[in-house]
Amino acid sequence: MPLLTEIGRWPALEAILNTTQNMKKGHRILVLAGTLLILGGAFFFFVYMPYSTEISRIEQDITGLKQRITLTKAKARNLDKFRREFTLVEKRFKQALRILPDKREIPSLLAGISELGTDSNLQVRLFSPGKEDPQDFYVKIPVTIEVGGKYRDVALFFDKVRRMDRIVNIMNITMKPKEPLSTDLITKCTAVTYRFMTKAEEQSRKKSEENKK
């Protein structure tokens, strides 16, 4: 009775069971088993299989989305890294600009060096910029300097030049008394400063090098 009660919940099975009431028990079991097999097959092909295919497709979509999320996160990390590197490079470039002026700043830089000599109680006898010497990406600018004054004032002048924000190297220093036994000195030296090469100068330099090959 419990089996018949459970089967009664399925109208199709109940109808088949009623039809087979007059059959032998063995035949009824075979018919019922065959019916269950058919219904099971129909459920598998018409219900389970479509849902299974849809589930597989959704799982593939989810896997693809996870991969895209992973790649996006990786790109985001790299983007942050590139931004930090760009900020660092930009900062270093600005520092380099303070050290290496461009062509427009050279006159004021040279005037500043000359003023340092005057501020150090020196008589500036000669201040003559020489021929520029192009390098890889910068240009060397030599300046011939001749000053008159006490040794301590010359030392003070060199120290002030050393403390400038711009790069200025003092070289080829010679000193001699202004007069025999005089403490006033005539000091000659070469001050070398540097500037960035302009784009036009870079292009001209590259063409010149190509023509030499």
C-alpha atoms as a PDB file:
ATOM      1  CA  MET A   1       0.000   0.000   0.000  1.00  0.00           C
ATOM      2  CA  PRO A   2       2.761   2.535   0.698  1.00  0.00           C
ATOM      3  CA  LEU A   3       4.134   1.969  -2.827  1.00  0.00           C
ATOM      4  CA  LEU A   4       0.673   2.474  -4.384  1.00  0.00           C
ATOM      5  CA  THR A   5       0.168   5.597  -2.261  1.00  0.00           C
ATOM      6  CA  GLU A   6       3.529   7.050  -3.459  1.00  0.00           C
ATOM      7  CA  ILE A   7       2.770   6.158  -7.068  1.00  0.00           C
ATOM      8  CA  GLY A   8      -0.639   7.813  -6.724  1.00  0.00           C
ATOM      9  CA  ARG A   9       1.125  11.147  -6.690  1.00  0.00           C
ATOM     10  CA  TRP A  10       2.089  10.612 -10.347  1.00  0.00           C
ATOM     11  CA  PRO A  11      -1.098  10.539 -12.549  1.00  0.00           C
ATOM     12  CA  ALA A  12       0.661   8.885 -15.508  1.00  0.00           C
ATOM     13  CA  LEU A  13       1.992   6.081 -13.357  1.00  0.00           C
ATOM     14  CA  GLU A  14      -1.388   5.673 -11.664  1.00  0.00           C
ATOM     15  CA  ALA A  15      -3.112   5.369 -15.044  1.00  0.00           C
ATOM     16  CA  ILE A  16      -0.625   2.730 -16.211  1.00  0.00           C
ATOM     17  CA  LEU A  17      -0.969   0.886 -12.933  1.00  0.00           C
ATOM     18  CA  ASN A  18      -4.769   0.830 -13.234  1.00  0.00           C
ATOM     19  CA  THR A  19      -4.485  -0.474 -16.795  1.00  0.00           C
ATOM     20  CA  THR A  20      -2.260  -3.345 -15.658  1.00  0.00           C
ATOM     21  CA  GLN A  21      -4.427  -4.421 -12.738  1.00  0.00           C
ATOM     22  CA  ASN A  22      -5.613  -7.529 -14.611  1.00  0.00           C
ATOM     23  CA  MET A  23      -2.075  -8.550 -15.682  1.00  0.00           C
ATOM     24  CA  LYS A  24       0.040 -11.033 -13.879  1.00  0.00           C
ATOM     25  CA  LYS A  25       2.301  -9.629 -11.177  1.00  0.00           C
ATOM     26  CA  GLY A  26       5.470 -10.314 -13.165  1.00  0.00           C
ATOM     27  CA  HIS A  27       4.067  -8.599 -16.262  1.00  0.00           C
ATOM     28  CA  ARG A  28       2.919  -5.602 -14.193  1.00  0.00           C
ATOM     29  CA  ILE A  29       6.420  -5.219 -12.756  1.00  0.00           C
ATOM     30  CA  LEU A  30       7.964  -5.345 -16.231  1.00  0.00           C
ATOM     31  CA  VAL A  31       5.513  -2.772 -17.595  1.00  0.00           C
ATOM     32  CA  LEU A  32       6.081  -0.496 -14.597  1.00  0.00           C
ATOM     33  CA  ALA A  33       9.866  -0.836 -14.866  1.00  0.00           C
ATOM     34  CA  GLY A  34       9.741  -0.067 -18.589  1.00  0.00           C
ATOM     35  CA  THR A  35       7.553   2.951 -17.956  1.00  0.00           C
ATOM     36  CA  LEU A  36       9.916   4.257 -15.292  1.00  0.00           C
ATOM     37  CA  LEU A  37      12.843   3.720 -17.662  1.00  0.00           C
ATOM     38  CA  ILE A  38      11.087   5.675 -20.424  1.00  0.00           C
ATOM     39  CA  LEU A  39      10.150   8.497 -18.053  1.00  0.00           C
ATOM     40  CA  GLY A  40      13.682   8.551 -16.688  1.00  0.00           C
ATOM     41  CA  GLY A  41      15.125   8.738 -20.196  1.00  0.00           C
ATOM     42  CA  ALA A  42      12.693  11.503 -21.123  1.00  0.00           C
ATOM     43  CA  PHE A  43      13.673  13.424 -17.990  1.00  0.00           C
ATOM     44  CA  PHE A  44      17.386  12.984 -18.781  1.00  0.00           C
ATOM     45  CA  PHE A  45      17.156  14.142 -22.408  1.00  0.00           C
ATOM     46  CA  PHE A  46      14.482  16.818 -22.117  1.00  0.00           C
ATOM     47  CA  VAL A  47      15.135  18.241 -18.632  1.00  0.00           C
ATOM     48  CA  TYR A  48      18.570  17.295 -17.290  1.00  0.00           C
ATOM     49  CA  MET A  49      20.615  17.578 -20.506  1.00  0.00           C
ATOM     50  CA  PRO A  50      19.462  21.140 -21.431  1.00  0.00           C
ATOM     51  CA  TYR A  51      20.073  22.346 -17.887  1.00  0.00           C
ATOM     52  CA  SER A  52      23.410  20.544 -17.762  1.00  0.00           C
ATOM     53  CA  THR A  53      24.497  22.222 -21.006  1.00  0.00           C
ATOM     54  CA  GLU A  54      23.375  25.602 -19.691  1.00  0.00           C
ATOM     55  CA  ILE A  55      25.200  25.005 -16.407  1.00  0.00           C
ATOM     56  CA  SER A  56      28.390  24.094 -18.302  1.00  0.00           C
ATOM     57  CA  ARG A  57      28.102  27.246 -20.393  1.00  0.00           C
ATOM     58  CA  ILE A  58      27.587  29.367 -17.278  1.00  0.00           C
ATOM     59  CA  GLU A  59      30.582  27.705 -15.605  1.00  0.00           C
ATOM     60  CA  GLN A  60      32.724  28.529 -18.667  1.00  0.00           C
ATOM     61  CA  ASP A  61      31.488  32.120 -18.571  1.00  0.00           C
ATOM     62  CA  ILE A  62      32.329  32.355 -14.885  1.00  0.00           C
ATOM     63  CA  THR A  63      35.809  30.917 -15.524  1.00  0.00           C
ATOM     64  CA  GLY A  64      36.355  33.426 -18.333  1.00  0.00           C
ATOM     65  CA  LEU A  65      35.179  36.302 -16.136  1.00  0.00           C
ATOM     66  CA  LYS A  66      37.498  35.206 -13.332  1.00  0.00           C
ATOM     67  CA  GLN A  67      40.426  35.181 -15.769  1.00  0.00           C
ATOM     68  CA  ARG A  68      39.494  38.658 -17.022  1.00  0.00           C
ATOM     69  CA  ILE A  69      39.260  39.899 -13.433  1.00  0.00           C
ATOM     70  CA  THR A  70      42.694  38.438 -12.681  1.00  0.00           C
ATOM     71  CA  LEU A  71      44.185  40.096 -15.795  1.00  0.00           C
ATOM     72  CA  THR A  72      42.486  43.386 -14.956  1.00  0.00           C
ATOM     73  CA  LYS A  73      43.888  43.313 -11.432  1.00  0.00           C
ATOM     74  CA  ALA A  74      47.351  42.539 -12.815  1.00  0.00           C
ATOM     75  CA  LYS A  75      47.070  45.431 -15.269  1.00  0.00           C
ATOM     76  CA  ALA A  76      45.887  47.709 -12.473  1.00  0.00           C
ATOM     77  CA  ARG A  77      48.928  46.757 -10.379  1.00  0.00           C
ATOM     78  CA  ASN A  78      51.216  47.392 -13.351  1.00  0.00           C
ATOM     79  CA  LEU A  79      49.485  50.717 -14.009  1.00  0.00           C
ATOM     80  CA  ASP A  80      50.119  51.790 -10.429  1.00  0.00           C
ATOM     81  CA  LYS A  81      53.741  50.685 -10.830  1.00  0.00           C
ATOM     82  CA  PHE A  82      54.112  52.654 -14.078  1.00  0.00           C
ATOM     83  CA  ARG A  83      52.556  55.710 -12.438  1.00  0.00           C
ATOM     84  CA  ARG A  84      55.011  55.498  -9.536  1.00  0.00           C
ATOM     85  CA  GLU A  85      57.932  55.072 -11.951  1.00  0.00           C
ATOM     86  CA  PHE A  86      56.716  58.002 -14.066  1.00  0.00           C
ATOM     87  CA  THR A  87      56.395  60.184 -10.964  1.00  0.00           C
ATOM     88  CA  LEU A  88      59.937  59.223  -9.921  1.00  0.00           C
ATOM     89  CA  VAL A  89      61.358  59.898 -13.397  1.00  0.00           C
ATOM     90  CA  GLU A  90      59.507  63.218 -13.583  1.00  0.00           C
ATOM     91  CA  LYS A  91      60.914  64.174 -10.172  1.00  0.00           C
ATOM     92  CA  ARG A  92      64.453  63.281 -11.249  1.00  0.00           C
ATOM     93  CA  PHE A  93      63.988  65.182 -14.489  1.00  0.00           C
ATOM     94  CA  LYS A  94      62.937  68.298 -12.571  1.00  0.00           C
ATOM     95  CA  GLN A  95      65.995  67.870 -10.347  1.00  0.00           C
ATOM     96  CA  ALA A  96      68.160  67.578 -13.449  1.00  0.00           C
ATOM     97  CA  LEU A  97      66.595  70.735 -14.839  1.00  0.00           C
ATOM     98  CA  ARG A  98      67.624  72.592 -11.700  1.00  0.00           C
ATOM     99  CA  ILE A  99      71.169  71.290 -12.103  1.00  0.00           C
ATOM    100  CA  LEU A 100      71.397  71.604 -15.887  1.00  0.00           C
ATOM    101  CA  PRO A 101      69.721  74.783 -17.137  1.00  0.00           C
ATOM    102  CA  ASP A 102      68.428  75.184 -20.639  1.00  0.00           C
ATOM    103  CA  LYS A 103      69.933  77.591 -23.166  1.00  0.00           C
ATOM    104  CA  ARG A 104      67.720  80.505 -22.135  1.00  0.00           C
ATOM    105  CA  GLU A 105      69.010  80.417 -18.537  1.00  0.00           C
ATOM    106  CA  ILE A 106      72.725  80.492 -19.365  1.00  0.00           C
ATOM    107  CA  PRO A 107      73.079  84.314 -19.547  1.00  0.00           C
ATOM    108  CA  SER A 108      71.543  84.741 -16.080  1.00  0.00           C
ATOM    109  CA  LEU A 109      73.669  81.871 -14.735  1.00  0.00           C
ATOM    110  CA  LEU A 110      76.875  83.440 -16.030  1.00  0.00           C
ATOM    111  CA  ALA A 111      75.807  86.823 -14.679  1.00  0.00           C
ATOM    112  CA  GLY A 112      75.220  85.152 -11.304  1.00  0.00           C
ATOM    113  CA  ILE A 113      78.756  83.730 -11.262  1.00  0.00           C
ATOM    114  CA  SER A 114      80.193  87.140 -12.055  1.00  0.00           C
ATOM    115  CA  GLU A 115      78.132  88.714  -9.269  1.00  0.00           C
ATOM    116  CA  LEU A 116      79.474  86.147  -6.801  1.00  0.00           C
ATOM    117  CA  GLY A 117      82.973  87.387  -7.606  1.00  0.00           C
ATOM    118  CA  THR A 118      81.967  90.968  -6.914  1.00  0.00           C
ATOM    119  CA  ASP A 119      80.143  89.956  -3.716  1.00  0.00           C
ATOM    120  CA  SER A 120      83.339  88.231  -2.559  1.00  0.00           C
ATOM    121  CA  ASN A 121      85.246  91.548  -2.706  1.00  0.00           C
ATOM    122  CA  LEU A 122      87.039  90.543  -5.892  1.00  0.00           C
ATOM    123  CA  GLN A 123      87.772  92.698  -8.884  1.00  0.00           C
ATOM    124  CA  VAL A 124      86.479  90.831 -11.937  1.00  0.00           C
ATOM    125  CA  ARG A 125      89.137  91.576 -14.554  1.00  0.00           C
ATOM    126  CA  LEU A 126      87.978  89.055 -17.171  1.00  0.00           C
ATOM    127  CA  PHE A 127      84.841  86.987 -17.625  1.00  0.00           C
ATOM    128  CA  SER A 128      84.775  85.436 -21.103  1.00  0.00           C
ATOM    129  CA  PRO A 129      82.523  82.486 -22.084  1.00  0.00           C
ATOM    130  CA  GLY A 130      84.306  80.171 -24.523  1.00  0.00           C
ATOM    131  CA  LYS A 131      83.157  77.914 -27.331  1.00  0.00           C
ATOM    132  CA  GLU A 132      80.442  75.450 -26.339  1.00  0.00           C
ATOM    133  CA  ASP A 133      81.364  71.744 -26.425  1.00  0.00           C
ATOM    134  CA  PRO A 134      78.408  69.422 -27.293  1.00  0.00           C
ATOM    135  CA  GLN A 135      78.295  66.045 -25.535  1.00  0.00           C
ATOM    136  CA  ASP A 136      75.703  63.231 -25.608  1.00  0.00           C
ATOM    137  CA  PHE A 137      72.675  65.151 -24.331  1.00  0.00           C
ATOM    138  CA  TYR A 138      74.252  68.244 -22.811  1.00  0.00           C
ATOM    139  CA  VAL A 139      76.622  71.040 -23.725  1.00  0.00           C
ATOM    140  CA  LYS A 140      79.736  72.094 -21.803  1.00  0.00           C
ATOM    141  CA  ILE A 141      80.249  75.855 -21.510  1.00  0.00           C
ATOM    142  CA  PRO A 142      83.757  76.944 -20.453  1.00  0.00           C
ATOM    143  CA  VAL A 143      84.220  80.430 -19.030  1.00  0.00           C
ATOM    144  CA  THR A 144      87.639  82.042 -18.636  1.00  0.00           C
ATOM    145  CA  ILE A 145      87.752  84.056 -15.415  1.00  0.00           C
ATOM    146  CA  GLU A 146      90.372  86.419 -14.074  1.00  0.00           C
ATOM    147  CA  VAL A 147      89.907  88.172 -10.738  1.00  0.00           C
ATOM    148  CA  GLY A 148      92.011  90.271  -8.431  1.00  0.00           C
ATOM    149  CA  GLY A 149      91.881  90.173  -4.635  1.00  0.00           C
ATOM    150  CA  LYS A 150      93.019  88.543  -1.424  1.00  0.00           C
ATOM    151  CA  TYR A 151      93.452  84.790  -1.154  1.00  0.00           C
ATOM    152  CA  ARG A 152      90.655  84.473   1.408  1.00  0.00           C
ATOM    153  CA  ASP A 153      88.294  86.340  -0.931  1.00  0.00           C
ATOM    154  CA  VAL A 154      89.186  84.029  -3.811  1.00  0.00           C
ATOM    155  CA  ALA A 155      88.544  81.012  -1.564  1.00  0.00           C
ATOM    156  CA  LEU A 156      85.203  82.554  -0.546  1.00  0.00           C
ATOM    157  CA  PHE A 157      84.285  83.034  -4.221  1.00  0.00           C
ATOM    158  CA  PHE A 158      85.102  79.410  -5.076  1.00  0.00           C
ATOM    159  CA  ASP A 159      83.050  78.214  -2.096  1.00  0.00           C
ATOM    160  CA  LYS A 160      80.027  80.277  -3.197  1.00  0.00           C
ATOM    161  CA  VAL A 161      80.288  78.864  -6.718  1.00  0.00           C
ATOM    162  CA  ARG A 162      80.472  75.352  -5.273  1.00  0.00           C
ATOM    163  CA  ARG A 163      77.225  75.931  -3.356  1.00  0.00           C
ATOM    164  CA  MET A 164      75.243  77.036  -6.411  1.00  0.00           C
ATOM    165  CA  ASP A 165      72.220  74.958  -7.450  1.00  0.00           C
ATOM    166  CA  ARG A 166      73.720  74.618 -10.919  1.00  0.00           C
ATOM    167  CA  ILE A 167      76.772  72.520 -11.702  1.00  0.00           C
ATOM    168  CA  VAL A 168      79.829  74.739 -12.061  1.00  0.00           C
ATOM    169  CA  ASN A 169      83.300  73.207 -11.927  1.00  0.00           C
ATOM    170  CA  ILE A 170      86.337  75.404 -11.280  1.00  0.00           C
ATOM    171  CA  MET A 171      89.555  74.117 -12.874  1.00  0.00           C
ATOM    172  CA  ASN A 172      92.956  75.209 -14.225  1.00  0.00           C
ATOM    173  CA  ILE A 173      93.532  77.597 -11.317  1.00  0.00           C
ATOM    174  CA  THR A 174      96.658  79.784 -11.328  1.00  0.00           C
ATOM    175  CA  MET A 175      97.590  82.498  -8.843  1.00  0.00           C
ATOM    176  CA  LYS A 176     100.336  85.104  -8.765  1.00  0.00           C
ATOM    177  CA  PRO A 177     100.937  88.276  -6.780  1.00  0.00           C
ATOM    178  CA  LYS A 178      99.652  91.429  -8.391  1.00  0.00           C
ATOM    179  CA  GLU A 179     103.028  92.987  -7.551  1.00  0.00           C
ATOM    180  CA  PRO A 180     106.174  91.501  -5.965  1.00  0.00           C
ATOM    181  CA  LEU A 181     105.561  90.736  -2.261  1.00  0.00           C
ATOM    182  CA  SER A 182     101.933  91.868  -2.572  1.00  0.00           C
ATOM    183  CA  THR A 183      99.144  89.980  -0.822  1.00  0.00           C
ATOM    184  CA  ASP A 184      96.800  90.929  -3.649  1.00  0.00           C
ATOM    185  CA  LEU A 185      96.598  88.094  -6.122  1.00  0.00           C
ATOM    186  CA  ILE A 186      95.698  87.786  -9.765  1.00  0.00           C
ATOM    187  CA  THR A 187      93.749  84.536 -10.039  1.00  0.00           C
ATOM    188  CA  LYS A 188      92.933  82.907 -13.333  1.00  0.00           C
ATOM    189  CA  CYS A 189      90.700  79.868 -13.731  1.00  0.00           C
ATOM    190  CA  THR A 190      88.209  78.175 -16.006  1.00  0.00           C
ATOM    191  CA  ALA A 191      84.655  77.736 -14.778  1.00  0.00           C
ATOM    192  CA  VAL A 192      82.815  74.983 -16.653  1.00  0.00           C
ATOM    193  CA  THR A 193      79.041  74.837 -16.519  1.00  0.00           C
ATOM    194  CA  TYR A 194      76.549  72.738 -18.449  1.00  0.00           C
ATOM    195  CA  ARG A 195      73.151  72.991 -20.099  1.00  0.00           C
ATOM    196  CA  PHE A 196      70.675  70.662 -21.777  1.00  0.00           C
ATOM    197  CA  MET A 197      70.991  70.292 -25.525  1.00  0.00           C
ATOM    198  CA  THR A 198      67.977  71.572 -27.465  1.00  0.00           C
ATOM    199  CA  LYS A 199      66.051  69.252 -29.803  1.00  0.00           C
ATOM    200  CA  ALA A 200      67.310  71.173 -32.822  1.00  0.00           C
ATOM    201  CA  GLU A 201      70.890  70.738 -31.599  1.00  0.00           C
ATOM    202  CA  GLU A 202      70.323  67.005 -31.010  1.00  0.00           C
ATOM    203  CA  GLN A 203      68.979  66.550 -34.538  1.00  0.00           C
ATOM    204  CA  SER A 204      71.850  68.563 -36.013  1.00  0.00           C
ATOM    205  CA  ARG A 205      74.358  66.500 -34.037  1.00  0.00           C
ATOM    206  CA  LYS A 206      72.813  63.209 -35.180  1.00  0.00           C
ATOM    207  CA  LYS A 207      72.884  64.324 -38.833  1.00  0.00           C
ATOM    208  CA  SER A 208      76.499  65.351 -38.436  1.00  0.00           C
ATOM    209  CA  GLU A 209      77.413  61.951 -36.988  1.00  0.00           C
ATOM    210  CA  GLU A 210      75.531  60.142 -39.765  1.00  0.00           C
ATOM    211  CA  ASN A 211      77.363  62.151 -42.413  1.00  0.00           C
ATOM    212  CA  LYS A 212      80.687  61.151 -40.899  1.00  0.00           C
ATOM    213  CA  LYS A 213      79.879  57.426 -41.245  1.00  0.00           C
END
